[in-house]
N, C-alpha and C. Protein backbone atom coordinates (compact mmCIF):
# COMPACT_ATOMS: atom_id res chain seq x y z
N UNK A 1 0.70 -1.22 -0.29
CA UNK A 1 -0.04 0.06 -0.20
C UNK A 1 0.89 1.43 -0.18
N UNK A 2 -0.04 2.47 -0.50
CA UNK A 2 1.22 3.77 -0.49
C UNK A 2 0.98 4.38 0.52
N UNK A 3 0.56 4.04 1.70
CA UNK A 3 0.14 4.39 2.80
C UNK A 3 -0.11 3.61 3.45
N UNK A 4 0.24 3.80 5.18
CA UNK A 4 -0.13 2.63 6.53
C UNK A 4 -1.18 3.25 6.94
N UNK A 5 -1.77 4.44 7.37
CA UNK A 5 -2.22 5.10 8.42
C UNK A 5 -3.33 5.99 7.55
N UNK A 6 -4.87 6.11 7.63
CA UNK A 6 -5.69 7.19 7.06
C UNK A 6 -6.06 7.60 8.38
N UNK A 7 -5.96 8.91 8.33
CA UNK A 7 -6.37 10.22 9.77
C UNK A 7 -7.56 10.66 8.66
N UNK A 8 -8.76 10.06 9.12
CA UNK A 8 -10.35 10.77 8.70
C UNK A 8 -10.45 11.88 9.57
N UNK A 9 -11.19 13.20 8.72
CA UNK A 9 -11.93 14.49 9.33
C UNK A 9 -13.45 13.50 9.68
N UNK A 10 -14.00 14.09 10.91
CA UNK A 10 -14.79 13.70 11.12
C UNK A 10 -16.91 14.56 11.01
N UNK A 11 -16.63 15.33 10.83
CA UNK A 11 -17.70 16.61 10.28
C UNK A 11 -17.60 16.72 9.49
N UNK A 12 -19.08 16.52 8.96
CA UNK A 12 -19.27 16.71 7.25
C UNK A 12 -18.71 15.68 6.75
N UNK A 13 -17.67 14.96 6.90
CA UNK A 13 -16.62 13.83 6.29
C UNK A 13 -17.60 12.35 6.64
N UNK A 14 -17.72 11.94 7.21
CA UNK A 14 -18.37 10.62 7.49
C UNK A 14 -19.63 10.65 8.47
N UNK A 15 -19.54 11.69 9.21
CA UNK A 15 -21.09 11.92 9.70
C UNK A 15 -21.87 13.56 9.43
N UNK A 16 -22.78 13.53 8.73
CA UNK A 16 -23.42 14.68 8.72
C UNK A 16 -23.89 15.14 10.03
N UNK A 17 -23.27 16.47 10.49
CA UNK A 17 -23.50 16.86 11.71
C UNK A 17 -24.12 18.32 11.39
N UNK A 18 -23.79 18.88 10.06
CA UNK A 18 -24.79 20.14 9.73
C UNK A 18 -25.81 20.91 10.97
N UNK A 19 -26.95 20.23 10.76
CA UNK A 19 -28.00 20.52 11.72
C UNK A 19 -27.79 20.76 13.10
N UNK A 20 -27.20 19.85 13.71
CA UNK A 20 -26.39 20.37 15.25
C UNK A 20 -25.61 21.59 15.15
N UNK A 21 -24.41 21.54 14.42
CA UNK A 21 -23.55 22.16 14.50
C UNK A 21 -24.15 23.79 13.79
N UNK A 22 -25.00 23.61 12.67
CA UNK A 22 -25.25 25.13 12.03
C UNK A 22 -26.79 25.85 13.36
N UNK A 23 -27.23 25.04 14.02
CA UNK A 23 -28.02 25.48 15.21
C UNK A 23 -27.81 25.75 16.32
N UNK A 24 -26.56 25.55 17.01
CA UNK A 24 -26.01 25.68 17.75
C UNK A 24 -24.87 26.71 17.23
N UNK A 25 -24.75 27.01 16.55
CA UNK A 25 -24.40 28.43 15.66
C UNK A 25 -24.50 29.43 15.78
N UNK A 26 -25.96 29.28 15.31
CA UNK A 26 -26.87 30.47 15.39
C UNK A 26 -27.60 30.81 16.42
N UNK A 27 -27.43 30.11 17.51
CA UNK A 27 -28.20 29.84 18.93
C UNK A 27 -27.06 31.02 19.54
N UNK A 28 -25.44 30.93 19.43
CA UNK A 28 -24.72 31.43 20.07
C UNK A 28 -24.63 32.62 19.67
N UNK A 29 -25.22 33.01 18.52
CA UNK A 29 -24.69 34.45 17.44
C UNK A 29 -26.05 35.01 17.92
N UNK A 30 -26.86 34.52 17.93
CA UNK A 30 -28.23 35.15 18.81
C UNK A 30 -27.76 36.04 19.93
N UNK A 31 -27.58 35.41 20.96
CA UNK A 31 -27.18 35.43 21.90
C UNK A 31 -26.22 36.70 22.50
N UNK A 32 -25.59 37.32 21.03
CA UNK A 32 -24.89 38.41 20.77
C UNK A 32 -25.20 39.83 19.82
N UNK A 33 -26.87 38.79 19.76
CA UNK A 33 -27.73 39.87 19.26
C UNK A 33 -27.49 39.83 17.51
N UNK A 34 -26.69 38.80 16.89
CA UNK A 34 -26.80 38.41 15.43
C UNK A 34 -28.05 37.27 15.10
N UNK A 35 -29.39 37.69 14.67
CA UNK A 35 -30.01 36.82 14.13
C UNK A 35 -29.96 36.25 13.03
N UNK A 36 -29.77 35.22 12.77
CA UNK A 36 -29.47 34.35 11.49
C UNK A 36 -30.66 33.56 10.68
N UNK A 37 -31.70 34.29 9.94
CA UNK A 37 -32.66 33.59 9.24
C UNK A 37 -32.39 32.76 8.09
N UNK A 38 -31.19 32.26 7.62
CA UNK A 38 -31.06 31.20 6.45
C UNK A 38 -29.95 30.46 7.22
N UNK A 39 -30.60 29.26 7.94
CA UNK A 39 -29.12 28.70 8.17
C UNK A 39 -27.96 28.09 7.41
N UNK A 40 -29.04 27.72 6.51
CA UNK A 40 -27.74 27.19 5.67
C UNK A 40 -26.14 28.01 5.37
N UNK A 41 -26.74 29.60 5.52
CA UNK A 41 -25.55 30.79 5.74
C UNK A 41 -24.50 30.39 6.64
N UNK A 42 -24.65 29.64 7.31
CA UNK A 42 -23.57 29.27 8.74
C UNK A 42 -23.16 27.87 8.15
N UNK A 43 -23.12 27.42 6.74
CA UNK A 43 -22.61 25.95 6.60
C UNK A 43 -20.87 26.07 6.66
N UNK A 44 -20.73 26.87 6.75
CA UNK A 44 -18.58 27.39 7.14
C UNK A 44 -18.38 27.26 8.30
N UNK A 45 -19.55 26.60 9.28
CA UNK A 45 -18.86 26.61 10.73
C UNK A 45 -18.72 25.21 10.87
N UNK A 46 -18.92 24.20 9.50
CA UNK A 46 -18.59 22.88 9.32
C UNK A 46 -17.05 22.71 9.10
N UNK A 47 -16.47 22.32 10.13
CA UNK A 47 -14.76 22.16 9.78
C UNK A 47 -13.95 22.78 10.29
N UNK A 48 -13.91 24.00 10.34
CA UNK A 48 -12.96 24.90 11.25
C UNK A 48 -13.29 25.25 12.61
N UNK A 49 -12.00 25.17 13.44
CA UNK A 49 -11.45 25.01 14.89
C UNK A 49 -13.09 26.45 15.36
N UNK A 50 -13.77 26.23 16.38
CA UNK A 50 -14.97 27.27 16.42
C UNK A 50 -14.76 28.90 16.50
N UNK A 51 -13.80 28.83 17.29
CA UNK A 51 -12.91 29.88 18.08
C UNK A 51 -12.82 30.93 16.86
N UNK A 52 -12.03 30.39 16.12
CA UNK A 52 -11.58 31.07 14.80
C UNK A 52 -12.63 30.99 14.16
N UNK A 53 -13.95 30.74 13.81
CA UNK A 53 -15.02 30.98 13.06
C UNK A 53 -15.64 32.09 13.31
N UNK A 54 -16.12 32.04 14.42
CA UNK A 54 -16.54 33.18 15.49
C UNK A 54 -15.62 34.82 15.10
N UNK A 55 -14.40 34.60 14.79
CA UNK A 55 -13.46 36.18 14.75
C UNK A 55 -13.72 36.01 13.11
N UNK A 56 -13.05 34.99 12.92
CA UNK A 56 -13.50 35.16 11.46
C UNK A 56 -14.11 35.67 10.54
N UNK A 57 -15.34 35.37 10.32
CA UNK A 57 -16.40 35.46 10.24
C UNK A 57 -17.59 36.46 10.56
N UNK A 58 -17.78 36.53 11.99
CA UNK A 58 -18.41 37.86 12.63
C UNK A 58 -17.47 38.55 13.13
N UNK A 59 -16.09 38.70 13.10
CA UNK A 59 -15.39 39.98 13.48
C UNK A 59 -15.52 39.79 15.23
N UNK A 60 -15.86 38.50 16.14
CA UNK A 60 -15.63 38.39 17.70
C UNK A 60 -14.18 39.04 18.09
N UNK A 61 -14.13 39.45 18.89
CA UNK A 61 -12.87 39.63 19.94
C UNK A 61 -12.54 37.80 20.70
N UNK A 62 -11.18 38.06 20.54
CA UNK A 62 -10.86 36.61 21.49
C UNK A 62 -11.69 36.55 22.75
N UNK A 63 -12.12 36.83 23.55
CA UNK A 63 -13.03 37.57 24.60
C UNK A 63 -14.28 36.95 24.16
N UNK A 64 -15.20 37.81 23.31
CA UNK A 64 -16.33 36.84 23.08
C UNK A 64 -16.42 36.02 21.99
N UNK A 65 -14.96 35.32 21.26
CA UNK A 65 -15.02 34.38 20.63
C UNK A 65 -15.18 33.26 21.40
N UNK A 66 -14.65 33.12 22.68
CA UNK A 66 -14.47 31.89 23.84
C UNK A 66 -15.85 32.02 24.18
N UNK A 67 -16.70 33.18 24.99
CA UNK A 67 -17.58 32.98 25.11
C UNK A 67 -18.72 32.60 24.30
N UNK A 68 -18.64 32.94 23.05
CA UNK A 68 -19.67 32.57 21.88
C UNK A 68 -18.97 30.66 21.96
N UNK A 69 -18.31 30.55 21.60
CA UNK A 69 -17.46 28.69 22.12
C UNK A 69 -18.34 28.51 23.25
N UNK A 70 -18.41 28.90 24.42
CA UNK A 70 -18.75 28.14 25.32
C UNK A 70 -20.68 27.98 24.84
N UNK A 71 -21.30 29.15 25.03
CA UNK A 71 -22.62 28.91 24.46
C UNK A 71 -22.69 28.19 23.67
N UNK A 72 -22.11 27.87 22.70
CA UNK A 72 -22.34 27.15 21.58
C UNK A 72 -22.08 25.50 22.16
N UNK A 73 -21.24 25.05 22.69
CA UNK A 73 -20.98 23.88 23.46
C UNK A 73 -22.10 23.75 24.46
N UNK A 74 -22.42 24.79 24.87
CA UNK A 74 -23.99 23.97 26.04
C UNK A 74 -25.05 23.57 25.62
N UNK A 75 -25.08 23.84 24.48
CA UNK A 75 -26.59 23.48 23.43
C UNK A 75 -25.91 22.74 22.51
N UNK A 76 -24.48 22.17 22.31
CA UNK A 76 -24.14 21.12 21.32
C UNK A 76 -24.44 19.98 22.74
N UNK A 77 -23.97 20.45 23.72
CA UNK A 77 -23.73 19.31 24.97
C UNK A 77 -25.54 18.62 25.12
N UNK A 78 -26.47 19.55 25.10
CA UNK A 78 -27.80 18.92 25.07
C UNK A 78 -28.49 18.50 23.95
N UNK A 79 -28.50 19.19 23.08
CA UNK A 79 -29.35 18.64 21.77
C UNK A 79 -28.28 18.13 20.51
N UNK A 80 -26.97 19.35 20.43
CA UNK A 80 -26.41 19.40 18.38
C UNK A 80 -25.67 18.22 18.79
N UNK A 81 -25.58 17.80 19.29
CA UNK A 81 -24.59 16.27 19.19
C UNK A 81 -25.69 14.77 18.71
N UNK A 82 -26.80 15.11 19.19
CA UNK A 82 -27.76 13.81 18.46
C UNK A 82 -28.29 14.31 17.14
N UNK A 83 -27.94 15.52 16.81
CA UNK A 83 -28.62 15.89 15.30
C UNK A 83 -28.06 16.10 14.23
N UNK A 84 -27.54 14.54 14.14
CA UNK A 84 -27.09 13.73 13.35
C UNK A 84 -26.96 12.61 12.42
N UNK A 85 -26.04 11.94 11.21
CA UNK A 85 -26.14 10.97 10.98
C UNK A 85 -24.81 10.16 10.30
N UNK A 86 -24.63 9.41 9.96
CA UNK A 86 -23.53 8.81 9.48
C UNK A 86 -24.31 8.54 7.76
N UNK A 87 -23.40 9.21 6.75
CA UNK A 87 -22.92 9.48 5.19
C UNK A 87 -23.31 7.99 5.06
N UNK A 88 -24.11 7.58 4.20
CA UNK A 88 -24.54 6.05 3.49
C UNK A 88 -23.25 6.03 2.65
N UNK A 89 -22.82 4.74 2.81
CA UNK A 89 -21.79 4.14 2.34
C UNK A 89 -20.41 4.23 3.13
N UNK A 90 -20.57 4.96 4.47
CA UNK A 90 -19.30 4.98 5.40
C UNK A 90 -18.87 3.86 5.49
N UNK A 91 -19.84 2.84 6.39
CA UNK A 91 -19.34 1.79 7.40
C UNK A 91 -18.94 0.97 6.19
N UNK A 92 -19.40 0.44 5.37
CA UNK A 92 -19.08 -0.27 3.85
C UNK A 92 -17.64 0.29 3.44
N UNK A 93 -17.34 1.47 4.15
CA UNK A 93 -16.26 2.08 3.06
C UNK A 93 -14.88 1.63 4.37
N UNK A 94 -15.42 2.00 5.41
CA UNK A 94 -14.47 1.67 6.37
C UNK A 94 -14.13 0.23 6.37
N UNK A 95 -14.93 -0.84 6.88
CA UNK A 95 -14.81 -1.84 6.65
C UNK A 95 -14.31 -2.49 5.20
N UNK A 96 -13.95 -2.07 4.21
CA UNK A 96 -13.31 -2.27 3.53
C UNK A 96 -12.14 -2.14 3.44
N UNK A 97 -11.38 -0.94 3.66
CA UNK A 97 -10.44 -0.48 4.55
C UNK A 97 -9.79 -0.65 5.28
N UNK A 98 -10.30 -1.29 6.46
CA UNK A 98 -9.45 -2.32 7.20
C UNK A 98 -9.16 -3.87 6.55
N UNK A 99 -10.25 -4.48 6.24
CA UNK A 99 -9.80 -5.71 5.45
C UNK A 99 -8.51 -5.29 4.56
N UNK A 100 -8.35 -4.21 3.68
CA UNK A 100 -7.10 -4.17 3.10
C UNK A 100 -5.60 -3.92 3.95
N UNK A 101 -6.22 -3.75 5.28
CA UNK A 101 -5.15 -3.54 5.93
C UNK A 101 -4.58 -1.86 6.80
N UNK A 102 -5.23 -1.10 6.08
CA UNK A 102 -4.70 0.32 7.37
C UNK A 102 -5.11 0.44 8.31
N UNK A 103 -4.11 0.82 8.80
CA UNK A 103 -4.75 1.32 10.17
C UNK A 103 -5.18 2.88 10.45
N UNK A 104 -6.63 3.16 11.10
CA UNK A 104 -7.36 3.78 10.66
C UNK A 104 -7.71 4.87 11.99
N UNK A 105 -7.47 6.33 11.62
CA UNK A 105 -7.79 7.17 13.10
C UNK A 105 -8.92 8.21 12.84
N UNK A 106 -9.57 9.19 13.84
CA UNK A 106 -10.02 9.92 13.51
C UNK A 106 -9.55 11.29 14.06
N UNK A 107 -9.14 12.48 13.11
CA UNK A 107 -8.58 13.45 13.91
C UNK A 107 -9.80 14.80 13.11
N UNK A 108 -10.04 15.33 14.63
CA UNK A 108 -11.07 16.18 14.11
C UNK A 108 -10.94 17.35 15.10
N UNK A 109 -11.76 18.22 14.80
CA UNK A 109 -11.14 19.76 15.44
C UNK A 109 -12.67 19.91 16.68
N UNK A 110 -13.21 18.74 16.63
CA UNK A 110 -14.56 18.44 17.86
C UNK A 110 -13.91 18.17 18.74
N UNK A 111 -14.25 18.65 19.71
CA UNK A 111 -13.99 18.29 21.34
C UNK A 111 -14.17 16.64 21.16
N UNK A 112 -12.79 16.25 21.32
CA UNK A 112 -12.41 14.78 21.46
C UNK A 112 -13.79 13.46 22.48
N UNK A 113 -14.32 14.22 23.24
CA UNK A 113 -15.36 13.44 24.08
C UNK A 113 -16.56 13.53 23.14
N UNK A 114 -17.07 14.38 22.24
CA UNK A 114 -18.25 14.44 22.31
C UNK A 114 -17.93 13.75 20.75
N UNK A 115 -16.84 13.28 20.11
CA UNK A 115 -16.55 12.96 18.63
C UNK A 115 -16.77 11.58 19.37
N UNK A 116 -16.02 10.78 20.50
CA UNK A 116 -15.99 9.64 20.68
C UNK A 116 -17.57 8.95 21.00
N UNK A 117 -17.81 9.94 21.92
CA UNK A 117 -19.33 9.90 22.44
C UNK A 117 -20.35 9.47 21.13
N UNK A 118 -20.29 10.55 19.94
CA UNK A 118 -21.33 10.19 18.85
C UNK A 118 -20.77 9.08 18.08
N UNK A 119 -19.41 8.47 17.76
CA UNK A 119 -19.06 7.59 16.88
C UNK A 119 -19.34 6.36 17.44
N UNK A 120 -19.45 6.19 18.96
CA UNK A 120 -20.23 4.89 19.47
C UNK A 120 -21.60 4.70 19.43
N UNK A 121 -22.15 5.95 19.59
CA UNK A 121 -23.08 6.08 19.52
C UNK A 121 -24.11 6.07 17.96
N UNK A 122 -23.31 6.32 17.31
CA UNK A 122 -24.27 5.87 15.24
C UNK A 122 -23.25 4.58 15.12
N UNK A 123 -22.37 3.89 15.74
CA UNK A 123 -22.21 2.97 15.58
C UNK A 123 -21.10 2.86 14.37
N UNK A 124 -20.23 3.25 14.54
CA UNK A 124 -18.94 3.69 13.82
C UNK A 124 -17.96 3.65 14.19
N UNK A 125 -18.09 3.50 15.76
CA UNK A 125 -16.75 4.06 16.38
C UNK A 125 -15.60 2.71 16.51
N UNK A 126 -16.16 1.48 16.67
CA UNK A 126 -15.31 0.33 16.41
C UNK A 126 -14.29 0.22 14.94
N UNK A 127 -14.58 1.28 14.13
CA UNK A 127 -13.62 1.22 13.03
C UNK A 127 -12.51 1.90 13.31
N UNK A 128 -12.36 2.74 14.23
CA UNK A 128 -11.46 3.79 14.84
C UNK A 128 -10.19 2.77 15.75
N UNK A 129 -8.91 2.58 15.64
CA UNK A 129 -7.55 2.68 16.26
C UNK A 129 -8.20 3.66 17.66
N UNK A 130 -7.58 4.93 17.38
CA UNK A 130 -7.84 5.87 17.83
C UNK A 130 -8.86 7.21 17.45
N UNK A 131 -9.40 7.85 18.28
CA UNK A 131 -10.27 9.32 18.36
C UNK A 131 -9.35 10.45 19.18
N UNK A 132 -9.00 11.34 18.02
CA UNK A 132 -7.86 12.56 18.44
C UNK A 132 -8.69 13.65 18.37
N UNK A 133 -9.17 14.74 18.82
CA UNK A 133 -9.71 15.80 18.83
C UNK A 133 -9.43 16.96 19.37
N UNK A 134 -9.90 17.70 19.73
CA UNK A 134 -9.92 19.15 20.27
C UNK A 134 -9.99 19.23 21.75
N UNK A 135 -8.96 19.55 22.60
CA UNK A 135 -9.32 19.33 24.22
C UNK A 135 -10.07 20.74 24.29
N UNK A 136 -10.73 20.99 25.87
CA UNK A 136 -11.09 21.48 26.33
C UNK A 136 -10.51 22.78 26.82
N UNK A 137 -9.66 22.79 26.57
CA UNK A 137 -8.61 24.07 27.00
C UNK A 137 -7.93 24.88 25.58
N UNK A 138 -8.44 24.07 24.58
CA UNK A 138 -8.27 24.53 23.18
C UNK A 138 -6.22 24.70 22.60
N UNK A 139 -6.38 23.73 23.82
CA UNK A 139 -4.36 23.57 23.99
C UNK A 139 -3.98 23.14 22.51
N UNK A 140 -4.54 21.90 22.24
CA UNK A 140 -5.22 21.45 20.82
C UNK A 140 -6.77 21.54 20.24
N UNK A 141 -6.75 22.46 19.54
CA UNK A 141 -7.70 22.87 18.50
C UNK A 141 -7.50 23.15 17.22
N UNK A 142 -6.71 23.57 16.43
CA UNK A 142 -6.47 23.78 15.34
C UNK A 142 -6.22 22.45 14.66
N UNK A 143 -6.55 22.18 12.95
CA UNK A 143 -6.01 21.13 12.41
C UNK A 143 -4.63 20.38 12.34
N UNK A 144 -3.93 21.42 12.07
CA UNK A 144 -2.54 20.83 12.19
C UNK A 144 -2.11 20.28 14.00
N UNK A 145 -2.61 21.03 14.95
CA UNK A 145 -2.61 20.63 16.13
C UNK A 145 -3.03 19.21 16.18
N UNK A 146 -4.46 19.37 16.10
CA UNK A 146 -4.87 18.19 15.95
C UNK A 146 -4.40 16.49 15.56
N UNK A 147 -3.70 17.10 14.35
CA UNK A 147 -2.80 16.23 13.53
C UNK A 147 -1.58 15.97 14.09
N UNK A 148 -0.84 16.36 14.70
CA UNK A 148 0.44 16.26 15.24
C UNK A 148 0.20 15.37 16.32
N UNK A 149 -0.93 15.69 17.14
CA UNK A 149 -1.49 14.75 18.26
C UNK A 149 -1.84 13.39 17.98
N UNK A 150 -2.35 13.51 16.84
CA UNK A 150 -3.07 11.92 15.73
C UNK A 150 -1.46 11.35 15.61
N UNK A 151 -0.73 11.85 15.15
CA UNK A 151 0.48 11.28 14.63
C UNK A 151 1.37 11.01 15.90
N UNK A 152 1.26 11.50 16.87
CA UNK A 152 1.89 11.12 18.42
C UNK A 152 1.29 9.74 19.07
N UNK A 153 0.13 9.86 19.36
CA UNK A 153 -0.81 8.82 19.95
C UNK A 153 -0.95 7.49 18.84
N UNK A 154 -0.69 8.05 17.65
CA UNK A 154 -1.22 6.66 16.74
C UNK A 154 0.52 5.67 16.13
N UNK A 155 1.33 6.74 17.04
CA UNK A 155 3.46 6.08 16.48
C UNK A 155 3.38 6.45 15.38
N UNK A 156 3.38 7.33 14.32
CA UNK A 156 3.29 7.44 13.63
C UNK A 156 4.81 8.30 13.19
N UNK A 157 5.71 7.44 12.63
CA UNK A 157 6.92 8.52 12.53
C UNK A 157 7.66 8.67 11.17
N UNK A 158 6.97 7.97 9.86
CA UNK A 158 6.94 8.40 8.72
C UNK A 158 5.84 9.15 8.40
N UNK A 159 6.04 10.39 8.10
CA UNK A 159 4.77 11.06 7.65
C UNK A 159 4.54 10.35 6.37
N UNK A 160 4.97 10.28 5.82
CA UNK A 160 5.10 10.24 3.75
C UNK A 160 4.09 9.00 4.17
N UNK A 161 3.77 7.93 5.06
CA UNK A 161 3.05 6.62 5.13
C UNK A 161 1.72 7.63 6.11
N UNK A 162 1.60 8.59 5.89
CA UNK A 162 0.36 8.95 6.91
C UNK A 162 -0.36 9.85 5.81
N UNK A 163 -2.17 9.48 5.56
CA UNK A 163 -2.85 10.09 4.74
C UNK A 163 -4.03 10.97 5.75
N UNK A 164 -4.08 12.05 5.29
CA UNK A 164 -4.77 13.15 5.86
C UNK A 164 -6.51 13.27 4.76
N UNK A 165 -7.66 13.04 5.50
CA UNK A 165 -8.74 12.90 4.47
C UNK A 165 -9.88 13.72 5.31
N UNK A 166 -10.17 14.66 4.48
CA UNK A 166 -11.69 15.43 4.91
C UNK A 166 -12.08 16.06 3.73
N UNK A 167 -12.90 17.00 4.30
CA UNK A 167 -13.98 17.85 3.36
C UNK A 167 -14.04 19.14 3.15
N UNK A 168 -12.73 19.88 3.79
CA UNK A 168 -13.02 21.45 3.93
C UNK A 168 -11.03 21.61 3.95
N UNK A 169 -10.99 22.70 3.62
CA UNK A 169 -9.71 23.14 2.95
C UNK A 169 -9.01 22.95 4.53
N UNK A 170 -9.12 23.08 5.67
CA UNK A 170 -8.44 23.24 6.56
C UNK A 170 -7.81 22.07 7.04
N UNK A 171 -8.45 20.83 6.40
CA UNK A 171 -7.87 19.71 6.56
C UNK A 171 -6.72 19.33 5.95
N UNK A 172 -6.90 19.80 4.69
CA UNK A 172 -5.77 19.72 3.97
C UNK A 172 -4.57 21.10 3.87
N UNK A 173 -5.09 22.18 4.53
CA UNK A 173 -3.50 22.79 4.67
C UNK A 173 -2.85 22.06 6.08
N UNK A 174 -3.86 21.68 7.03
CA UNK A 174 -3.08 21.22 8.11
C UNK A 174 -2.49 20.21 7.84
N UNK A 175 -2.97 19.32 6.82
CA UNK A 175 -2.16 17.63 6.44
C UNK A 175 -0.73 18.58 5.84
N UNK A 176 -0.63 19.74 5.00
CA UNK A 176 0.33 20.33 4.01
C UNK A 176 1.40 21.05 5.14
N UNK A 177 0.92 21.75 6.26
CA UNK A 177 1.89 22.40 7.56
C UNK A 177 2.38 21.09 8.37
N UNK A 178 2.01 19.61 8.22
CA UNK A 178 2.64 18.93 9.24
C UNK A 178 2.99 18.10 8.10
N UNK A 179 3.24 18.13 6.76
CA UNK A 179 4.16 17.37 5.59
C UNK A 179 3.29 16.10 5.30
N UNK A 180 2.14 16.00 5.52
CA UNK A 180 1.60 14.61 4.95
C UNK A 180 0.64 14.96 3.72
N UNK A 181 0.30 14.01 3.09
CA UNK A 181 -0.30 14.44 1.50
C UNK A 181 -1.85 14.29 2.50
N UNK A 182 -2.79 14.70 1.32
CA UNK A 182 -4.35 14.63 1.76
C UNK A 182 -5.30 14.16 0.97
N UNK A 183 -6.13 14.28 1.22
CA UNK A 183 -7.21 13.89 0.25
C UNK A 183 -8.55 14.56 0.51
N UNK A 184 -9.05 15.75 -0.74
CA UNK A 184 -9.76 16.17 0.08
C UNK A 184 -11.00 15.83 -0.65
N UNK A 185 -12.14 16.08 -0.12
CA UNK A 185 -13.58 15.08 -0.71
C UNK A 185 -15.14 16.26 -0.18
N UNK A 186 -15.37 16.39 -2.01
CA UNK A 186 -16.44 17.11 -1.79
C UNK A 186 -17.57 16.56 -0.96
N UNK A 187 -18.20 16.96 -0.13
CA UNK A 187 -19.07 15.91 0.96
C UNK A 187 -20.31 17.35 1.00
N UNK A 188 -20.11 18.22 0.31
CA UNK A 188 -21.64 19.41 0.34
C UNK A 188 -21.28 20.40 0.80
N UNK A 189 -19.85 20.55 2.05
CA UNK A 189 -20.19 21.96 2.88
C UNK A 189 -18.61 22.68 1.89
N UNK A 190 -17.80 22.08 1.57
CA UNK A 190 -16.77 22.84 0.41
C UNK A 190 -17.41 24.11 -0.45
N UNK A 191 -16.47 24.59 -0.71
CA UNK A 191 -16.91 25.59 -2.10
C UNK A 191 -16.55 25.29 -3.06
N UNK A 192 -17.18 24.95 -4.32
CA UNK A 192 -16.31 24.77 -5.86
C UNK A 192 -14.61 25.19 -5.84
N UNK A 193 -14.03 24.38 -6.29
CA UNK A 193 -12.78 24.33 -6.17
C UNK A 193 -11.68 24.84 -4.94
N UNK A 194 -12.20 24.86 -3.47
CA UNK A 194 -11.74 24.52 -2.53
C UNK A 194 -10.42 24.07 -1.83
N UNK A 195 -10.75 22.09 -2.58
CA UNK A 195 -9.92 21.60 -2.33
C UNK A 195 -8.47 21.90 -3.17
N UNK A 196 -8.93 22.07 -4.73
CA UNK A 196 -7.87 22.50 -5.47
C UNK A 196 -6.74 23.64 -5.31
N UNK A 197 -7.69 24.56 -4.52
CA UNK A 197 -6.72 25.81 -4.49
C UNK A 197 -6.48 25.53 -3.33
N UNK A 198 -6.41 24.73 -2.06
CA UNK A 198 -5.96 24.42 -0.98
C UNK A 198 -4.66 23.43 -1.51
N UNK A 199 -4.76 22.87 -2.34
CA UNK A 199 -3.18 22.23 -2.91
C UNK A 199 -3.53 20.51 -2.53
N UNK A 200 -5.22 20.12 -2.56
CA UNK A 200 -4.87 18.68 -2.14
C UNK A 200 -4.09 18.18 -2.93
N UNK A 201 -3.49 16.94 -2.55
CA UNK A 201 -2.87 15.71 -2.90
C UNK A 201 -3.84 15.13 -3.70
N UNK A 202 -5.35 14.39 -3.64
CA UNK A 202 -6.18 14.00 -4.14
C UNK A 202 -7.33 14.81 -3.90
N UNK A 203 -8.12 14.22 -5.22
CA UNK A 203 -9.53 14.94 -4.80
C UNK A 203 -10.54 13.93 -5.44
N UNK A 204 -11.84 13.77 -4.69
CA UNK A 204 -12.88 12.77 -4.70
C UNK A 204 -13.92 13.72 -4.71
N UNK A 205 -15.34 13.32 -5.10
CA UNK A 205 -16.31 13.61 -5.19
C UNK A 205 -17.31 13.11 -4.55
N UNK A 206 -16.97 11.81 -3.82
CA UNK A 206 -18.25 11.24 -2.79
C UNK A 206 -17.45 10.28 -2.15
N UNK A 207 -18.37 9.37 -1.11
CA UNK A 207 -17.74 8.30 -0.19
C UNK A 207 -17.44 7.41 -1.37
N UNK A 208 -18.08 6.78 -2.38
CA UNK A 208 -17.67 5.68 -3.21
C UNK A 208 -16.23 5.54 -4.08
N UNK A 209 -16.22 7.21 -4.44
CA UNK A 209 -15.34 7.34 -5.34
C UNK A 209 -14.14 7.35 -4.18
N UNK A 210 -13.79 7.86 -3.24
CA UNK A 210 -12.58 8.00 -1.93
C UNK A 210 -12.67 6.61 -1.89
N UNK A 211 -13.57 6.06 -1.68
CA UNK A 211 -13.21 4.11 -1.58
C UNK A 211 -12.46 3.61 -2.54
N UNK A 212 -13.27 3.63 -3.86
CA UNK A 212 -12.69 3.11 -5.05
C UNK A 212 -10.98 3.30 -5.26
N UNK A 213 -10.00 4.84 -5.12
CA UNK A 213 -9.32 5.23 -5.03
C UNK A 213 -8.37 4.89 -3.81
N UNK A 214 -8.70 4.94 -2.60
CA UNK A 214 -7.94 4.42 -1.46
C UNK A 214 -7.67 2.54 -1.28
N UNK A 215 -8.88 2.11 -2.41
CA UNK A 215 -8.36 0.32 -2.37
C UNK A 215 -7.51 0.37 -3.50
N UNK A 216 -7.37 1.11 -4.26
CA UNK A 216 -6.04 1.00 -5.49
C UNK A 216 -4.64 1.45 -5.29
N UNK A 217 -4.45 2.15 -4.01
CA UNK A 217 -3.44 2.63 -3.85
C UNK A 217 -2.45 1.05 -2.99
């Protein structure tokens, strides 16, 4: 095989978490007096670290962004984490990848505790050797920090043997910063040309296409 390790993003890549993320983002913004009518306009929150999103998209200060993240996480804990489902074809893909001999883990900017709980509840936690995510204190939050933590905890010493797979440019850019190849998959949240612009090593437009390519490596 060309790669031994596959690092998968979670939100928007394996699990459609848009409903929960968008509703929690809208709730947090409303507390700051920002009312969002079109929920789909918040799709940009799927993928990037939350604090960064509030600052970049709405001009929040670091202090306000931290407050917004706390408000977001409160609703996510109560409701948002249940507003999701596994994309069609994902379990079959993961099963086939394990049969081929890949070692697979999750590398997500979502809080690690949420990610682990959600994957188990959705029935696909068994496919991952480890689940690596963000920490509550944000010591690990950006994509490159998550990837570095995944490399350490998976015992990956040869970075050319690991491939980062995700649905947003942050996955591609994080992989590049860490010296990994990347696979950008258009799952519905990325803008047209996003993966090409970010410099993804490989690009696919569906779970089925992703699986076919990974099985040929």
